[in-house]
Amino acid sequence: RAGSVEWIMAPRANWKGYLKLSLVSCAVELYPATTTKDRVAFHMINRETGHRLRRQLVDEVTGEVVESDGQARGYEIAKREYVLLEEDEIESVAIESTHTIDIESFVPREEIDEVYLDAPYYLAPDGKVAEEAFAVIRDAMRERQVVGLGRVVLYRRERIVMLEPRGNGIAARTLRYAYEVRNDRDYFDDIGDGKVAGEMLDLAQHIIDKKLTSFDPARFEDRYQNALVDLIKAKTGHRPAPKLEAPKPSNVINLMDALRRSIAAEKGEAAEPKRKPQRAAAKSAATTATRKQRAPA
């Protein structure tokens, strides 16, 4: 803070390089689109001293601590046999995508299965000089209603990246490789394909209609985070920890009854009461008629 002005650090780019479309290129910066800095985070503490604990790497055979200058990266080629790779050797195999996102192809967005989507990023031009070429690539994709596919090296690993116009910038999304995605048939093939009764389907659709809304992420609070904050405040104030009991749902026995009761709950009504015996109903009707006759005109 300087005087009455509060300085806020701009987010730092994860990657800097060039965005390339054929012979058109511009300098760009890649920023993470999400953050976890506001999450409750814990440190490991020595229960006896109250001091923070520090993790150390130890030799699995000798048990001795190995300092950073004695550590190296190794790939296991046989049982307990490794080939060591030095940092400069890893850097020496840098490929084009280490410094350049070359857009190789374009596809309609709906063709990319959601299960392949990984981490989200924002791609922005690096400086005023880059803005014109950046805008040309962005607006051309927007006009054609397509997304671009390229590659980028992040954290020493080449990733497929999907580029999609977003406002004045471009949203970038790393994609998983085919070998990283499990086949859904391995999980869904054993699910029966029996037809759902029409009345049950109508009731379920009615419940959906009642809950239909627009997506607003602000509506969803991180209840676990809030509970942790309350717990920390209670412990800090030497108060008993709050107790929360989460109800455990069970398998539905009578599906039709559960659907009907769900609709009643959505209307803010209790479940339909049991019918009164005929005699009691007749007596109630007679009482009501008598009251009406006695009521003043």
Protein backbone atom coordinates (compact mmCIF):
# COMPACT_ATOMS: atom_id res chain seq x y z
CA ARG A 1 0.00 0.00 0.00
CA ALA A 2 1.39 3.45 -0.97
CA GLY A 3 -0.53 6.31 0.66
CA SER A 4 -4.20 5.56 0.03
CA VAL A 5 -3.53 3.47 -3.11
CA GLU A 6 -3.52 -0.29 -2.77
CA TRP A 7 -1.25 -2.04 -5.27
CA ILE A 8 -2.47 -5.38 -6.56
CA MET A 9 0.00 -7.64 -8.31
CA ALA A 10 -1.07 -8.68 -11.80
CA PRO A 11 -1.29 -12.44 -12.34
CA ARG A 12 1.91 -13.94 -13.65
CA ALA A 13 1.93 -15.71 -17.01
CA ASN A 14 2.52 -19.48 -16.91
CA TRP A 15 3.99 -19.44 -20.39
CA LYS A 16 5.22 -16.88 -22.91
CA GLY A 17 5.80 -17.51 -26.59
CA TYR A 18 4.16 -17.11 -29.98
CA LEU A 19 0.77 -17.94 -31.45
CA LYS A 20 1.17 -18.99 -35.07
CA LEU A 21 -1.34 -19.47 -37.90
CA SER A 22 0.45 -20.39 -41.11
CA LEU A 23 2.77 -17.39 -41.67
CA VAL A 24 0.93 -15.09 -39.24
CA SER A 25 2.34 -15.01 -35.71
CA CYS A 26 2.25 -12.82 -32.62
CA ALA A 27 3.71 -12.81 -29.13
CA VAL A 28 1.29 -14.14 -26.51
CA GLU A 29 1.06 -14.88 -22.81
CA LEU A 30 -0.78 -17.80 -21.23
CA TYR A 31 -2.41 -17.31 -17.83
CA PRO A 32 -4.19 -19.84 -15.60
CA ALA A 33 -7.94 -19.19 -15.72
CA THR A 34 -8.54 -20.53 -12.21
CA THR A 35 -6.92 -20.11 -8.81
CA THR A 36 -6.86 -22.00 -5.52
CA LYS A 37 -5.24 -19.24 -3.44
CA ASP A 38 -8.44 -18.58 -1.46
CA ARG A 39 -8.91 -22.20 -0.46
CA VAL A 40 -8.27 -23.16 3.14
CA ALA A 41 -4.78 -24.66 3.21
CA PHE A 42 -3.12 -26.59 6.03
CA HIS A 43 0.51 -26.91 7.11
CA MET A 44 1.99 -29.95 8.80
CA ILE A 45 2.92 -29.05 12.39
CA ASN A 46 4.98 -30.69 15.11
CA ARG A 47 2.35 -31.41 17.74
CA GLU A 48 4.90 -31.08 20.56
CA THR A 49 6.65 -27.81 19.57
CA GLY A 50 4.05 -26.13 17.33
CA HIS A 51 6.71 -25.64 14.65
CA ARG A 52 6.11 -26.26 10.95
CA LEU A 53 7.49 -29.46 9.49
CA ARG A 54 9.72 -29.55 6.41
CA ARG A 55 9.66 -32.44 3.96
CA GLN A 56 12.97 -33.97 2.96
CA LEU A 57 13.93 -36.54 0.34
CA VAL A 58 15.73 -39.55 1.73
CA ASP A 59 17.60 -42.40 0.10
CA GLU A 60 15.21 -45.37 0.28
CA VAL A 61 18.09 -47.76 1.03
CA THR A 62 20.41 -45.81 3.34
CA GLY A 63 17.72 -43.61 4.90
CA GLU A 64 20.01 -40.60 4.61
CA VAL A 65 18.70 -37.15 3.63
CA VAL A 66 19.68 -36.13 0.07
CA GLU A 67 20.07 -32.40 -0.49
CA SER A 68 19.02 -30.69 -3.73
CA ASP A 69 22.50 -30.78 -5.30
CA GLY A 70 22.52 -34.56 -4.98
CA GLN A 71 19.09 -35.08 -6.56
CA ALA A 72 18.59 -36.05 -10.21
CA ARG A 73 15.72 -37.18 -12.40
CA GLY A 74 15.68 -40.84 -13.35
CA TYR A 75 13.59 -43.13 -15.53
CA GLU A 76 13.21 -46.76 -14.43
CA ILE A 77 14.30 -49.06 -17.26
CA ALA A 78 14.37 -52.23 -15.14
CA LYS A 79 13.66 -53.20 -11.54
CA ARG A 80 15.60 -50.68 -9.42
CA GLU A 81 17.67 -49.71 -12.46
CA TYR A 82 17.43 -46.09 -13.65
CA VAL A 83 18.81 -43.94 -16.40
CA LEU A 84 19.64 -40.47 -15.05
CA LEU A 85 18.74 -37.31 -16.97
CA GLU A 86 20.34 -33.96 -16.16
CA GLU A 87 18.41 -30.70 -16.40
CA ASP A 88 20.45 -29.43 -19.37
CA GLU A 89 19.84 -32.72 -21.21
CA ILE A 90 16.09 -32.36 -20.74
CA GLU A 91 16.25 -28.75 -21.95
CA SER A 92 18.22 -29.82 -25.03
CA VAL A 93 15.27 -31.76 -26.48
CA ALA A 94 13.06 -28.66 -26.59
CA ILE A 95 10.61 -28.87 -29.49
CA GLU A 96 8.81 -26.12 -31.36
CA SER A 97 5.79 -26.14 -29.05
CA THR A 98 8.09 -25.17 -26.19
CA HIS A 99 8.00 -21.62 -27.53
CA THR A 100 5.24 -21.60 -30.17
CA ILE A 101 1.58 -22.61 -30.30
CA ASP A 102 1.19 -23.52 -33.96
CA ILE A 103 -2.51 -23.89 -34.81
CA GLU A 104 -2.55 -27.13 -36.81
CA SER A 105 -6.27 -27.49 -37.50
CA PHE A 106 -9.75 -26.18 -36.77
CA VAL A 107 -12.86 -28.11 -35.75
CA PRO A 108 -16.42 -27.27 -34.66
CA ARG A 109 -16.46 -26.92 -30.85
CA GLU A 110 -19.28 -29.46 -30.45
CA GLU A 111 -17.08 -32.20 -31.92
CA ILE A 112 -14.75 -32.15 -28.90
CA ASP A 113 -16.01 -34.52 -26.21
CA GLU A 114 -16.11 -32.85 -22.79
CA VAL A 115 -14.21 -35.74 -21.22
CA TYR A 116 -11.08 -34.65 -23.10
CA LEU A 117 -11.11 -31.15 -21.55
CA ASP A 118 -8.43 -30.53 -18.94
CA ALA A 119 -7.03 -27.29 -17.46
CA PRO A 120 -8.40 -23.86 -18.52
CA TYR A 121 -6.18 -20.89 -19.42
CA TYR A 122 -6.50 -17.40 -20.88
CA LEU A 123 -4.39 -16.45 -23.88
CA ALA A 124 -3.65 -12.74 -24.42
CA PRO A 125 -1.36 -10.73 -26.72
CA ASP A 126 2.01 -9.82 -25.24
CA GLY A 127 2.17 -6.09 -25.94
CA LYS A 128 0.46 -3.65 -28.31
CA VAL A 129 2.45 -4.78 -31.33
CA ALA A 130 0.93 -8.26 -31.08
CA GLU A 131 -2.69 -7.13 -30.80
CA GLU A 132 -3.53 -6.83 -34.50
CA ALA A 133 -2.37 -10.32 -35.51
CA PHE A 134 -3.95 -11.74 -32.36
CA ALA A 135 -7.29 -10.10 -33.23
CA VAL A 136 -7.19 -11.45 -36.79
CA ILE A 137 -6.76 -15.04 -35.57
CA ARG A 138 -9.39 -14.60 -32.84
CA ASP A 139 -12.03 -13.00 -35.06
CA ALA A 140 -11.48 -15.42 -37.94
CA MET A 141 -12.23 -18.34 -35.60
CA ARG A 142 -15.28 -16.51 -34.26
CA GLU A 143 -16.66 -15.85 -37.75
CA ARG A 144 -16.18 -19.47 -38.79
CA GLN A 145 -17.53 -20.70 -35.41
CA VAL A 146 -14.62 -23.08 -34.90
CA VAL A 147 -11.91 -23.69 -32.33
CA GLY A 148 -8.23 -24.09 -33.10
CA LEU A 149 -6.09 -27.07 -32.11
CA GLY A 150 -2.38 -26.78 -31.47
CA ARG A 151 0.29 -27.95 -29.04
CA VAL A 152 2.15 -26.30 -26.20
CA VAL A 153 4.77 -27.46 -23.73
CA LEU A 154 3.66 -26.84 -20.14
CA TYR A 155 5.55 -28.16 -17.13
CA ARG A 156 7.94 -30.02 -19.43
CA ARG A 157 5.20 -31.91 -21.18
CA GLU A 158 3.68 -31.29 -24.59
CA ARG A 159 -0.06 -30.83 -24.38
CA ILE A 160 -2.79 -30.52 -27.00
CA VAL A 161 -4.44 -27.12 -26.60
CA MET A 162 -7.87 -25.98 -27.78
CA LEU A 163 -8.20 -22.27 -28.59
CA GLU A 164 -11.62 -20.62 -28.47
CA PRO A 165 -12.50 -16.90 -28.85
CA ARG A 166 -13.66 -15.39 -25.57
CA GLY A 167 -14.49 -11.68 -25.44
CA ASN A 168 -11.41 -9.74 -26.55
CA GLY A 169 -9.13 -12.67 -25.82
CA ILE A 170 -8.86 -16.39 -26.40
CA ALA A 171 -9.73 -19.14 -23.94
CA ALA A 172 -7.20 -21.97 -24.07
CA ARG A 173 -7.96 -25.43 -22.77
CA THR A 174 -5.45 -28.24 -22.58
CA LEU A 175 -6.84 -31.54 -23.81
CA ARG A 176 -6.12 -35.05 -22.64
CA TYR A 177 -4.56 -37.50 -25.08
CA ALA A 178 -6.64 -40.46 -26.27
CA TYR A 179 -4.59 -42.87 -24.14
CA GLU A 180 -5.48 -40.86 -21.01
CA VAL A 181 -9.25 -41.20 -21.46
CA ARG A 182 -10.98 -44.39 -20.38
CA ASN A 183 -13.62 -45.94 -22.59
CA ASP A 184 -17.08 -45.29 -21.16
CA ARG A 185 -18.26 -48.69 -22.43
CA ASP A 186 -16.18 -50.32 -19.69
CA TYR A 187 -18.53 -48.72 -17.16
CA PHE A 188 -21.87 -48.36 -18.95
CA ASP A 189 -22.26 -51.61 -20.91
CA ASP A 190 -23.55 -53.53 -17.88
CA ILE A 191 -26.32 -50.98 -17.22
CA GLY A 192 -29.70 -52.37 -18.24
CA ASP A 193 -31.50 -50.74 -21.14
CA GLY A 194 -35.03 -51.31 -19.84
CA LYS A 195 -37.66 -48.74 -20.81
CA VAL A 196 -38.81 -46.26 -18.15
CA ALA A 197 -42.55 -46.19 -17.51
CA GLY A 198 -44.20 -43.17 -19.11
CA GLU A 199 -45.79 -41.87 -15.91
CA MET A 200 -42.49 -42.03 -14.02
CA LEU A 201 -40.75 -40.19 -16.85
CA ASP A 202 -43.43 -37.49 -16.83
CA LEU A 203 -43.05 -36.99 -13.07
CA ALA A 204 -39.24 -36.79 -13.34
CA GLN A 205 -39.50 -34.26 -16.18
CA HIS A 206 -41.93 -32.22 -14.09
CA ILE A 207 -39.35 -32.04 -11.28
CA ILE A 208 -36.69 -30.96 -13.80
CA ASP A 209 -38.96 -28.20 -15.11
CA LYS A 210 -39.44 -26.90 -11.56
CA LYS A 211 -35.66 -26.75 -11.02
CA LEU A 212 -34.81 -25.36 -14.47
CA THR A 213 -32.77 -22.14 -14.24
CA SER A 214 -29.76 -20.34 -15.71
CA PHE A 215 -26.25 -21.26 -14.67
CA ASP A 216 -24.85 -18.86 -12.09
CA PRO A 217 -21.65 -20.10 -10.41
CA ALA A 218 -22.12 -17.52 -7.62
CA ARG A 219 -25.16 -19.49 -6.43
CA PHE A 220 -22.96 -22.40 -5.41
CA GLU A 221 -21.09 -21.83 -2.17
CA ASP A 222 -18.20 -24.05 -1.15
CA ARG A 223 -19.97 -25.48 1.89
CA TYR A 224 -17.00 -27.61 2.89
CA GLN A 225 -14.74 -24.54 2.78
CA ASN A 226 -17.25 -22.58 4.91
CA ALA A 227 -17.45 -25.42 7.42
CA LEU A 228 -13.65 -25.48 7.69
CA VAL A 229 -13.57 -21.71 8.28
CA ASP A 230 -16.20 -22.07 11.03
CA LEU A 231 -14.19 -24.88 12.59
CA ILE A 232 -10.99 -22.79 12.54
CA LYS A 233 -12.80 -19.81 14.09
CA ALA A 234 -14.22 -22.01 16.84
CA LYS A 235 -10.82 -23.53 17.62
CA THR A 236 -9.20 -20.08 17.61
CA GLY A 237 -11.83 -18.78 20.04
CA HIS A 238 -11.54 -21.90 22.24
CA ARG A 239 -15.16 -22.82 21.51
CA PRO A 240 -16.52 -26.29 20.86
CA ALA A 241 -16.24 -27.35 17.26
CA PRO A 242 -19.56 -27.08 15.38
CA LYS A 243 -21.16 -30.42 14.59
CA LEU A 244 -22.68 -30.95 11.19
CA GLU A 245 -24.70 -33.99 10.33
CA ALA A 246 -25.13 -34.75 6.65
CA PRO A 247 -28.17 -36.91 5.91
CA LYS A 248 -27.30 -40.12 4.10
CA PRO A 249 -29.65 -40.94 1.21
CA SER A 250 -30.62 -44.53 0.67
CA ASN A 251 -31.80 -46.52 -2.31
CA VAL A 252 -35.42 -45.76 -3.23
CA ILE A 253 -37.76 -48.69 -2.67
CA ASN A 254 -40.93 -47.25 -4.20
CA LEU A 255 -39.78 -45.06 -7.07
CA MET A 256 -43.25 -43.80 -8.02
CA ASP A 257 -43.97 -42.76 -4.44
CA ALA A 258 -40.58 -41.00 -4.18
CA LEU A 259 -41.26 -39.07 -7.38
CA ARG A 260 -44.69 -37.94 -6.17
CA ARG A 261 -43.33 -36.89 -2.79
CA SER A 262 -40.53 -34.99 -4.57
CA ILE A 263 -43.08 -32.99 -6.54
CA ALA A 264 -45.02 -32.26 -3.36
CA ALA A 265 -41.82 -31.07 -1.68
CA GLU A 266 -41.01 -28.82 -4.63
CA LYS A 267 -44.42 -27.17 -4.21
CA GLY A 268 -43.69 -26.63 -0.53
CA GLU A 269 -46.46 -29.04 0.40
CA ALA A 270 -46.43 -32.04 2.65
CA ALA A 271 -47.07 -35.46 1.26
CA GLU A 272 -50.73 -36.14 0.51
CA PRO A 273 -52.50 -37.14 3.78
CA LYS A 274 -54.28 -40.43 4.08
CA ARG A 275 -57.97 -40.40 3.25
CA LYS A 276 -60.34 -40.15 6.17
CA PRO A 277 -62.84 -42.94 6.71
CA GLN A 278 -66.21 -42.31 5.06
CA ARG A 279 -67.95 -41.84 8.42
CA ALA A 280 -65.43 -39.26 9.59
CA ALA A 281 -65.66 -37.43 6.26
CA ALA A 282 -69.46 -37.30 6.45
CA LYS A 283 -69.34 -36.02 10.03
CA SER A 284 -66.88 -33.29 8.97
CA ALA A 285 -69.16 -32.22 6.11
CA ALA A 286 -72.19 -32.06 8.42
CA THR A 287 -70.27 -29.94 10.94
CA THR A 288 -69.25 -27.51 8.21
CA ALA A 289 -72.85 -27.19 6.98
CA THR A 290 -74.12 -26.52 10.51
CA ARG A 291 -71.51 -23.76 10.99
CA LYS A 292 -72.58 -22.12 7.73
CA GLN A 293 -76.25 -22.09 8.88
CA ARG A 294 -75.30 -20.48 12.20
CA ALA A 295 -73.13 -17.84 10.57
CA PRO A 296 -74.75 -14.37 10.53
CA ALA A 297 -75.94 -13.12 7.15
